[in-house]
Amino acid sequence: MSAPRRALIVIDAQNEYFDGLLPIQFPAREDSVANIRTVIDAAQQAEMPVVLVQHELPAEAPVFGAGSSTFQNHPEVAAYEDAAAKRVSKQFGSVFANTDLEAWLRGQNIDTITLVGYMTNNCVIASAAAAEPLGFAVEVLSDATGAIDLANEAGTVPARQVHETLMTLLHSNWAAVTDTAAWATAVRTSATLTRSDLVTSATQGRGAR
């Protein structure tokens, strides 16, 4: 098996998730953004392309308003803006929707994308699912992503449950889910990370009841 040709995609590591209306609740946002910085450093050392994505809405929008302080990348990530291989502005959940990212990745001969950033319950899962029909293998780092508490007419779910449920869901079908340390080792050794599959996850799930 050939070594994966990876690109690191940092999704929406913006101040909105720290100082805005959507503060990340789990894992602790200061821990996850520190891990994002560690992952970027590891990618740069491996000469892996790093893509920085920002969600951008009209200036008058209550979140991610263009030009606002909460639209800006978190300082831990903004420090890498000049060195990024590519920067992407998006308006939808998926990093692929109405962007040129797919074409750029193919031009770089990338076959595997590593997703970090925010939120697990929106742009991370949307991007992982969107990658499936495009043929990209996906990796998601559980400690370099994060979720928020949710409550609406359908129910109430704390951020930890949201995050852990979606990590399990992603690993069952759409992505190899791991943590920062294990991913860095895989990068150093050019190893392929494997995910589970739906049948195996369902079988193990029945056995765990």
C-alpha atoms as a PDB file:
ATOM      1  CA  MET A   1       0.000   0.000   0.000  1.00  0.00           C
ATOM      2  CA  SER A   2       1.403   3.375  -0.993  1.00  0.00           C
ATOM      3  CA  ALA A   3       1.860   6.087   1.617  1.00  0.00           C
ATOM      4  CA  PRO A   4      -1.039   8.515   1.926  1.00  0.00           C
ATOM      5  CA  ARG A   5      -0.625  11.868   0.227  1.00  0.00           C
ATOM      6  CA  ARG A   6      -2.083  14.100   2.897  1.00  0.00           C
ATOM      7  CA  ALA A   7      -3.222  17.683   3.156  1.00  0.00           C
ATOM      8  CA  LEU A   8      -4.130  19.250   6.485  1.00  0.00           C
ATOM      9  CA  ILE A   9      -7.352  21.255   6.369  1.00  0.00           C
ATOM     10  CA  VAL A  10      -7.917  23.616   9.284  1.00  0.00           C
ATOM     11  CA  ILE A  11     -11.629  24.411   9.307  1.00  0.00           C
ATOM     12  CA  ASP A  12     -12.883  27.689  10.739  1.00  0.00           C
ATOM     13  CA  ALA A  13     -10.469  28.050  13.658  1.00  0.00           C
ATOM     14  CA  GLN A  14     -11.916  31.532  14.069  1.00  0.00           C
ATOM     15  CA  ASN A  15     -12.519  33.839  16.999  1.00  0.00           C
ATOM     16  CA  GLU A  16     -16.262  33.234  16.657  1.00  0.00           C
ATOM     17  CA  TYR A  17     -15.726  29.943  18.482  1.00  0.00           C
ATOM     18  CA  PHE A  18     -13.866  31.631  21.323  1.00  0.00           C
ATOM     19  CA  ASP A  19     -15.204  35.160  21.787  1.00  0.00           C
ATOM     20  CA  GLY A  20     -18.378  35.111  19.692  1.00  0.00           C
ATOM     21  CA  LEU A  21     -21.843  33.563  19.877  1.00  0.00           C
ATOM     22  CA  LEU A  22     -20.666  29.976  19.291  1.00  0.00           C
ATOM     23  CA  PRO A  23     -18.050  29.186  21.964  1.00  0.00           C
ATOM     24  CA  ILE A  24     -16.748  25.627  21.728  1.00  0.00           C
ATOM     25  CA  GLN A  25     -17.645  23.642  24.842  1.00  0.00           C
ATOM     26  CA  PHE A  26     -15.987  20.234  24.356  1.00  0.00           C
ATOM     27  CA  PRO A  27     -13.150  19.476  24.258  1.00  0.00           C
ATOM     28  CA  ALA A  28     -11.966  22.605  26.049  1.00  0.00           C
ATOM     29  CA  ARG A  29     -11.407  25.163  23.297  1.00  0.00           C
ATOM     30  CA  GLU A  30      -7.994  26.299  24.545  1.00  0.00           C
ATOM     31  CA  ASP A  31      -6.849  22.669  24.518  1.00  0.00           C
ATOM     32  CA  SER A  32      -8.189  21.980  21.043  1.00  0.00           C
ATOM     33  CA  VAL A  33      -6.667  25.096  19.501  1.00  0.00           C
ATOM     34  CA  ALA A  34      -3.310  24.234  21.089  1.00  0.00           C
ATOM     35  CA  ASN A  35      -3.584  20.818  19.440  1.00  0.00           C
ATOM     36  CA  ILE A  36      -4.413  22.473  16.126  1.00  0.00           C
ATOM     37  CA  ARG A  37      -1.170  24.413  16.382  1.00  0.00           C
ATOM     38  CA  THR A  38       0.721  21.193  17.184  1.00  0.00           C
ATOM     39  CA  VAL A  39      -0.829  19.535  14.128  1.00  0.00           C
ATOM     40  CA  ILE A  40       0.102  22.456  11.870  1.00  0.00           C
ATOM     41  CA  ASP A  41       3.691  22.292  13.128  1.00  0.00           C
ATOM     42  CA  ALA A  42       3.816  18.538  12.414  1.00  0.00           C
ATOM     43  CA  ALA A  43       2.402  19.071   8.943  1.00  0.00           C
ATOM     44  CA  GLN A  44       4.964  21.742   8.147  1.00  0.00           C
ATOM     45  CA  GLN A  45       7.800  19.534   9.354  1.00  0.00           C
ATOM     46  CA  ALA A  46       6.531  16.799   7.027  1.00  0.00           C
ATOM     47  CA  GLU A  47       6.226  19.299   4.145  1.00  0.00           C
ATOM     48  CA  MET A  48       2.504  18.603   4.023  1.00  0.00           C
ATOM     49  CA  PRO A  49       0.303  21.324   2.514  1.00  0.00           C
ATOM     50  CA  VAL A  50      -1.760  23.219   5.069  1.00  0.00           C
ATOM     51  CA  VAL A  51      -5.094  24.746   4.044  1.00  0.00           C
ATOM     52  CA  LEU A  52      -6.705  27.391   6.253  1.00  0.00           C
ATOM     53  CA  VAL A  53     -10.464  27.728   5.821  1.00  0.00           C
ATOM     54  CA  GLN A  54     -12.618  30.567   7.143  1.00  0.00           C
ATOM     55  CA  HIS A  55     -16.397  30.793   7.184  1.00  0.00           C
ATOM     56  CA  GLU A  56     -17.381  34.171   5.775  1.00  0.00           C
ATOM     57  CA  LEU A  57     -20.823  35.766   5.815  1.00  0.00           C
ATOM     58  CA  PRO A  58     -21.956  39.330   4.974  1.00  0.00           C
ATOM     59  CA  ALA A  59     -20.621  42.005   7.294  1.00  0.00           C
ATOM     60  CA  GLU A  60     -24.024  42.514   8.928  1.00  0.00           C
ATOM     61  CA  ALA A  61     -24.425  38.821   9.844  1.00  0.00           C
ATOM     62  CA  PRO A  62     -24.498  38.046  13.589  1.00  0.00           C
ATOM     63  CA  VAL A  63     -21.721  35.455  13.202  1.00  0.00           C
ATOM     64  CA  PHE A  64     -18.672  35.256  10.906  1.00  0.00           C
ATOM     65  CA  GLY A  65     -19.360  38.720   9.531  1.00  0.00           C
ATOM     66  CA  ALA A  66     -16.721  39.670   6.974  1.00  0.00           C
ATOM     67  CA  GLY A  67     -14.179  42.031   8.494  1.00  0.00           C
ATOM     68  CA  SER A  68     -15.367  41.496  12.068  1.00  0.00           C
ATOM     69  CA  SER A  69     -13.054  40.519  14.907  1.00  0.00           C
ATOM     70  CA  THR A  70     -14.799  37.166  15.307  1.00  0.00           C
ATOM     71  CA  PHE A  71     -14.348  36.397  11.610  1.00  0.00           C
ATOM     72  CA  GLN A  72     -10.574  36.494  12.077  1.00  0.00           C
ATOM     73  CA  ASN A  73      -8.634  33.310  12.735  1.00  0.00           C
ATOM     74  CA  HIS A  74      -7.719  32.622  16.349  1.00  0.00           C
ATOM     75  CA  PRO A  75      -4.254  34.073  17.021  1.00  0.00           C
ATOM     76  CA  GLU A  76      -2.778  30.576  17.435  1.00  0.00           C
ATOM     77  CA  VAL A  77      -3.812  29.852  13.842  1.00  0.00           C
ATOM     78  CA  ALA A  78      -3.477  33.337  12.380  1.00  0.00           C
ATOM     79  CA  ALA A  79       0.261  33.029  13.000  1.00  0.00           C
ATOM     80  CA  TYR A  80       0.374  30.524  10.123  1.00  0.00           C
ATOM     81  CA  GLU A  81      -1.606  32.477   7.554  1.00  0.00           C
ATOM     82  CA  ASP A  82       1.399  33.630   5.517  1.00  0.00           C
ATOM     83  CA  ALA A  83       2.839  30.107   5.387  1.00  0.00           C
ATOM     84  CA  ALA A  84      -0.391  28.353   4.398  1.00  0.00           C
ATOM     85  CA  ALA A  85      -0.334  26.531   1.075  1.00  0.00           C
ATOM     86  CA  LYS A  86      -3.873  27.720   0.423  1.00  0.00           C
ATOM     87  CA  ARG A  87      -6.584  29.793   2.072  1.00  0.00           C
ATOM     88  CA  VAL A  88     -10.272  29.212   1.438  1.00  0.00           C
ATOM     89  CA  SER A  89     -13.368  31.286   2.180  1.00  0.00           C
ATOM     90  CA  LYS A  90     -16.624  29.345   2.407  1.00  0.00           C
ATOM     91  CA  GLN A  91     -20.286  30.099   2.999  1.00  0.00           C
ATOM     92  CA  PHE A  92     -21.613  26.567   3.576  1.00  0.00           C
ATOM     93  CA  GLY A  93     -20.816  23.751   6.005  1.00  0.00           C
ATOM     94  CA  SER A  94     -18.690  21.688   3.645  1.00  0.00           C
ATOM     95  CA  VAL A  95     -15.262  22.967   2.689  1.00  0.00           C
ATOM     96  CA  PHE A  96     -16.011  21.742  -0.842  1.00  0.00           C
ATOM     97  CA  ALA A  97     -19.303  23.580  -1.430  1.00  0.00           C
ATOM     98  CA  ASN A  98     -18.828  26.450  -3.899  1.00  0.00           C
ATOM     99  CA  THR A  99     -15.048  26.508  -3.397  1.00  0.00           C
ATOM    100  CA  ASP A 100     -12.120  25.475  -5.587  1.00  0.00           C
ATOM    101  CA  LEU A 101     -10.661  23.203  -2.903  1.00  0.00           C
ATOM    102  CA  GLU A 102     -11.403  19.922  -4.671  1.00  0.00           C
ATOM    103  CA  ALA A 103      -9.641  21.039  -7.851  1.00  0.00           C
ATOM    104  CA  TRP A 104      -6.689  22.354  -5.863  1.00  0.00           C
ATOM    105  CA  LEU A 105      -6.299  19.093  -3.928  1.00  0.00           C
ATOM    106  CA  ARG A 106      -6.357  17.088  -7.147  1.00  0.00           C
ATOM    107  CA  GLY A 107      -3.739  19.398  -8.605  1.00  0.00           C
ATOM    108  CA  GLN A 108      -1.542  18.616  -5.595  1.00  0.00           C
ATOM    109  CA  ASN A 109      -2.133  14.843  -6.034  1.00  0.00           C
ATOM    110  CA  ILE A 110      -3.710  14.660  -2.581  1.00  0.00           C
ATOM    111  CA  ASP A 111      -5.665  11.509  -1.766  1.00  0.00           C
ATOM    112  CA  THR A 112      -6.147  11.967   2.009  1.00  0.00           C
ATOM    113  CA  ILE A 113      -7.410  14.980   3.926  1.00  0.00           C
ATOM    114  CA  THR A 114      -6.934  15.513   7.655  1.00  0.00           C
ATOM    115  CA  LEU A 115      -9.670  17.645   9.200  1.00  0.00           C
ATOM    116  CA  VAL A 116      -9.207  19.742  12.336  1.00  0.00           C
ATOM    117  CA  GLY A 117     -11.111  22.766  13.560  1.00  0.00           C
ATOM    118  CA  TYR A 118     -14.728  23.612  14.211  1.00  0.00           C
ATOM    119  CA  MET A 119     -17.421  22.578  14.632  1.00  0.00           C
ATOM    120  CA  THR A 120     -17.652  18.817  14.932  1.00  0.00           C
ATOM    121  CA  ASN A 121     -21.428  19.104  14.647  1.00  0.00           C
ATOM    122  CA  ASN A 122     -21.462  21.226  11.525  1.00  0.00           C
ATOM    123  CA  CYS A 123     -18.525  21.856   9.213  1.00  0.00           C
ATOM    124  CA  VAL A 124     -16.368  18.877  10.215  1.00  0.00           C
ATOM    125  CA  ILE A 125     -19.062  16.281   9.649  1.00  0.00           C
ATOM    126  CA  ALA A 126     -20.331  18.087   6.534  1.00  0.00           C
ATOM    127  CA  SER A 127     -16.853  18.135   5.010  1.00  0.00           C
ATOM    128  CA  ALA A 128     -16.157  14.496   5.864  1.00  0.00           C
ATOM    129  CA  ALA A 129     -19.428  13.374   4.297  1.00  0.00           C
ATOM    130  CA  ALA A 130     -18.872  15.528   1.221  1.00  0.00           C
ATOM    131  CA  ALA A 131     -15.434  13.983   0.674  1.00  0.00           C
ATOM    132  CA  GLU A 132     -16.874  10.482   0.260  1.00  0.00           C
ATOM    133  CA  PRO A 133     -18.281  10.837  -3.287  1.00  0.00           C
ATOM    134  CA  LEU A 134     -15.165  12.781  -4.284  1.00  0.00           C
ATOM    135  CA  GLY A 135     -12.954   9.813  -3.435  1.00  0.00           C
ATOM    136  CA  PHE A 136     -10.791  11.422  -0.765  1.00  0.00           C
ATOM    137  CA  ALA A 137      -9.845   9.414   2.316  1.00  0.00           C
ATOM    138  CA  VAL A 138     -10.617  11.405   5.466  1.00  0.00           C
ATOM    139  CA  GLU A 139      -8.962  11.644   8.876  1.00  0.00           C
ATOM    140  CA  VAL A 140     -10.474  13.552  11.799  1.00  0.00           C
ATOM    141  CA  LEU A 141      -8.540  14.419  14.953  1.00  0.00           C
ATOM    142  CA  SER A 142     -10.808  14.124  17.978  1.00  0.00           C
ATOM    143  CA  ASP A 143      -8.739  16.387  20.231  1.00  0.00           C
ATOM    144  CA  ALA A 144      -8.219  19.108  17.602  1.00  0.00           C
ATOM    145  CA  THR A 145     -11.925  19.592  16.853  1.00  0.00           C
ATOM    146  CA  GLY A 146     -14.820  20.635  19.081  1.00  0.00           C
ATOM    147  CA  ALA A 147     -18.568  20.883  19.556  1.00  0.00           C
ATOM    148  CA  ILE A 148     -21.137  23.100  21.272  1.00  0.00           C
ATOM    149  CA  ASP A 149     -24.096  22.426  23.527  1.00  0.00           C
ATOM    150  CA  LEU A 150     -27.305  22.131  21.502  1.00  0.00           C
ATOM    151  CA  ALA A 151     -30.958  22.607  22.427  1.00  0.00           C
ATOM    152  CA  ASN A 152     -33.977  23.050  20.186  1.00  0.00           C
ATOM    153  CA  GLU A 153     -37.488  21.691  19.622  1.00  0.00           C
ATOM    154  CA  ALA A 154     -36.047  18.218  18.955  1.00  0.00           C
ATOM    155  CA  GLY A 155     -34.160  17.918  22.215  1.00  0.00           C
ATOM    156  CA  THR A 156     -31.170  18.953  24.325  1.00  0.00           C
ATOM    157  CA  VAL A 157     -27.680  17.496  23.989  1.00  0.00           C
ATOM    158  CA  PRO A 158     -24.513  18.558  25.846  1.00  0.00           C
ATOM    159  CA  ALA A 159     -21.394  19.253  23.808  1.00  0.00           C
ATOM    160  CA  ARG A 160     -19.497  16.240  25.128  1.00  0.00           C
ATOM    161  CA  GLN A 161     -22.253  13.885  23.990  1.00  0.00           C
ATOM    162  CA  VAL A 162     -22.471  15.648  20.626  1.00  0.00           C
ATOM    163  CA  HIS A 163     -18.728  15.385  20.070  1.00  0.00           C
ATOM    164  CA  GLU A 164     -18.227  11.812  21.231  1.00  0.00           C
ATOM    165  CA  THR A 165     -21.291  10.586  19.332  1.00  0.00           C
ATOM    166  CA  LEU A 166     -20.145  12.221  16.117  1.00  0.00           C
ATOM    167  CA  MET A 167     -16.597  10.918  16.473  1.00  0.00           C
ATOM    168  CA  THR A 168     -18.019   7.390  16.754  1.00  0.00           C
ATOM    169  CA  LEU A 169     -20.346   8.018  13.823  1.00  0.00           C
ATOM    170  CA  LEU A 170     -17.544   9.400  11.659  1.00  0.00           C
ATOM    171  CA  HIS A 171     -15.259   6.461  12.425  1.00  0.00           C
ATOM    172  CA  SER A 172     -18.036   4.029  11.494  1.00  0.00           C
ATOM    173  CA  ASN A 173     -18.221   5.219   7.911  1.00  0.00           C
ATOM    174  CA  TRP A 174     -16.646   8.480   6.799  1.00  0.00           C
ATOM    175  CA  ALA A 175     -13.302   8.994   8.507  1.00  0.00           C
ATOM    176  CA  ALA A 176     -10.438   7.469  10.421  1.00  0.00           C
ATOM    177  CA  VAL A 177     -10.771   9.151  13.801  1.00  0.00           C
ATOM    178  CA  THR A 178      -7.662   9.453  15.947  1.00  0.00           C
ATOM    179  CA  ASP A 179      -5.886  11.964  18.182  1.00  0.00           C
ATOM    180  CA  THR A 180      -3.066  14.402  17.592  1.00  0.00           C
ATOM    181  CA  ALA A 181      -0.276  12.194  18.941  1.00  0.00           C
ATOM    182  CA  ALA A 182      -1.291   9.094  16.978  1.00  0.00           C
ATOM    183  CA  TRP A 183      -1.714  11.144  13.815  1.00  0.00           C
ATOM    184  CA  ALA A 184       1.726  12.723  14.176  1.00  0.00           C
ATOM    185  CA  THR A 185       3.231   9.245  14.485  1.00  0.00           C
ATOM    186  CA  ALA A 186       1.379   8.104  11.370  1.00  0.00           C
ATOM    187  CA  VAL A 187       2.712  11.129   9.491  1.00  0.00           C
ATOM    188  CA  ARG A 188       6.298  10.455  10.568  1.00  0.00           C
ATOM    189  CA  THR A 189       6.052   6.807   9.515  1.00  0.00           C
ATOM    190  CA  SER A 190       3.975   7.432   6.372  1.00  0.00           C
ATOM    191  CA  ALA A 191       1.347   5.070   7.792  1.00  0.00           C
ATOM    192  CA  THR A 192      -2.258   4.822   6.660  1.00  0.00           C
ATOM    193  CA  LEU A 193      -4.876   5.295   9.360  1.00  0.00           C
ATOM    194  CA  THR A 194      -7.844   2.948   9.050  1.00  0.00           C
ATOM    195  CA  ARG A 195     -11.444   3.521   9.992  1.00  0.00           C
ATOM    196  CA  SER A 196     -14.057   1.019  10.992  1.00  0.00           C
ATOM    197  CA  ASP A 197     -17.092   0.263   8.822  1.00  0.00           C
ATOM    198  CA  LEU A 198     -20.815   0.381   9.418  1.00  0.00           C
ATOM    199  CA  VAL A 199     -21.357  -3.382   9.710  1.00  0.00           C
ATOM    200  CA  THR A 200     -18.475  -3.871  12.143  1.00  0.00           C
ATOM    201  CA  SER A 201     -19.540  -0.856  14.207  1.00  0.00           C
ATOM    202  CA  ALA A 202     -23.140  -2.108  14.309  1.00  0.00           C
ATOM    203  CA  THR A 203     -22.048  -5.597  15.366  1.00  0.00           C
ATOM    204  CA  GLN A 204     -19.802  -4.245  18.104  1.00  0.00           C
ATOM    205  CA  GLY A 205     -22.555  -1.870  19.140  1.00  0.00           C
ATOM    206  CA  ARG A 206     -25.021  -4.711  19.672  1.00  0.00           C
ATOM    207  CA  GLY A 207     -22.412  -6.566  21.687  1.00  0.00           C
ATOM    208  CA  ALA A 208     -21.837  -3.559  23.927  1.00  0.00           C
ATOM    209  CA  ARG A 209     -25.479  -3.310  25.012  1.00  0.00           C
END
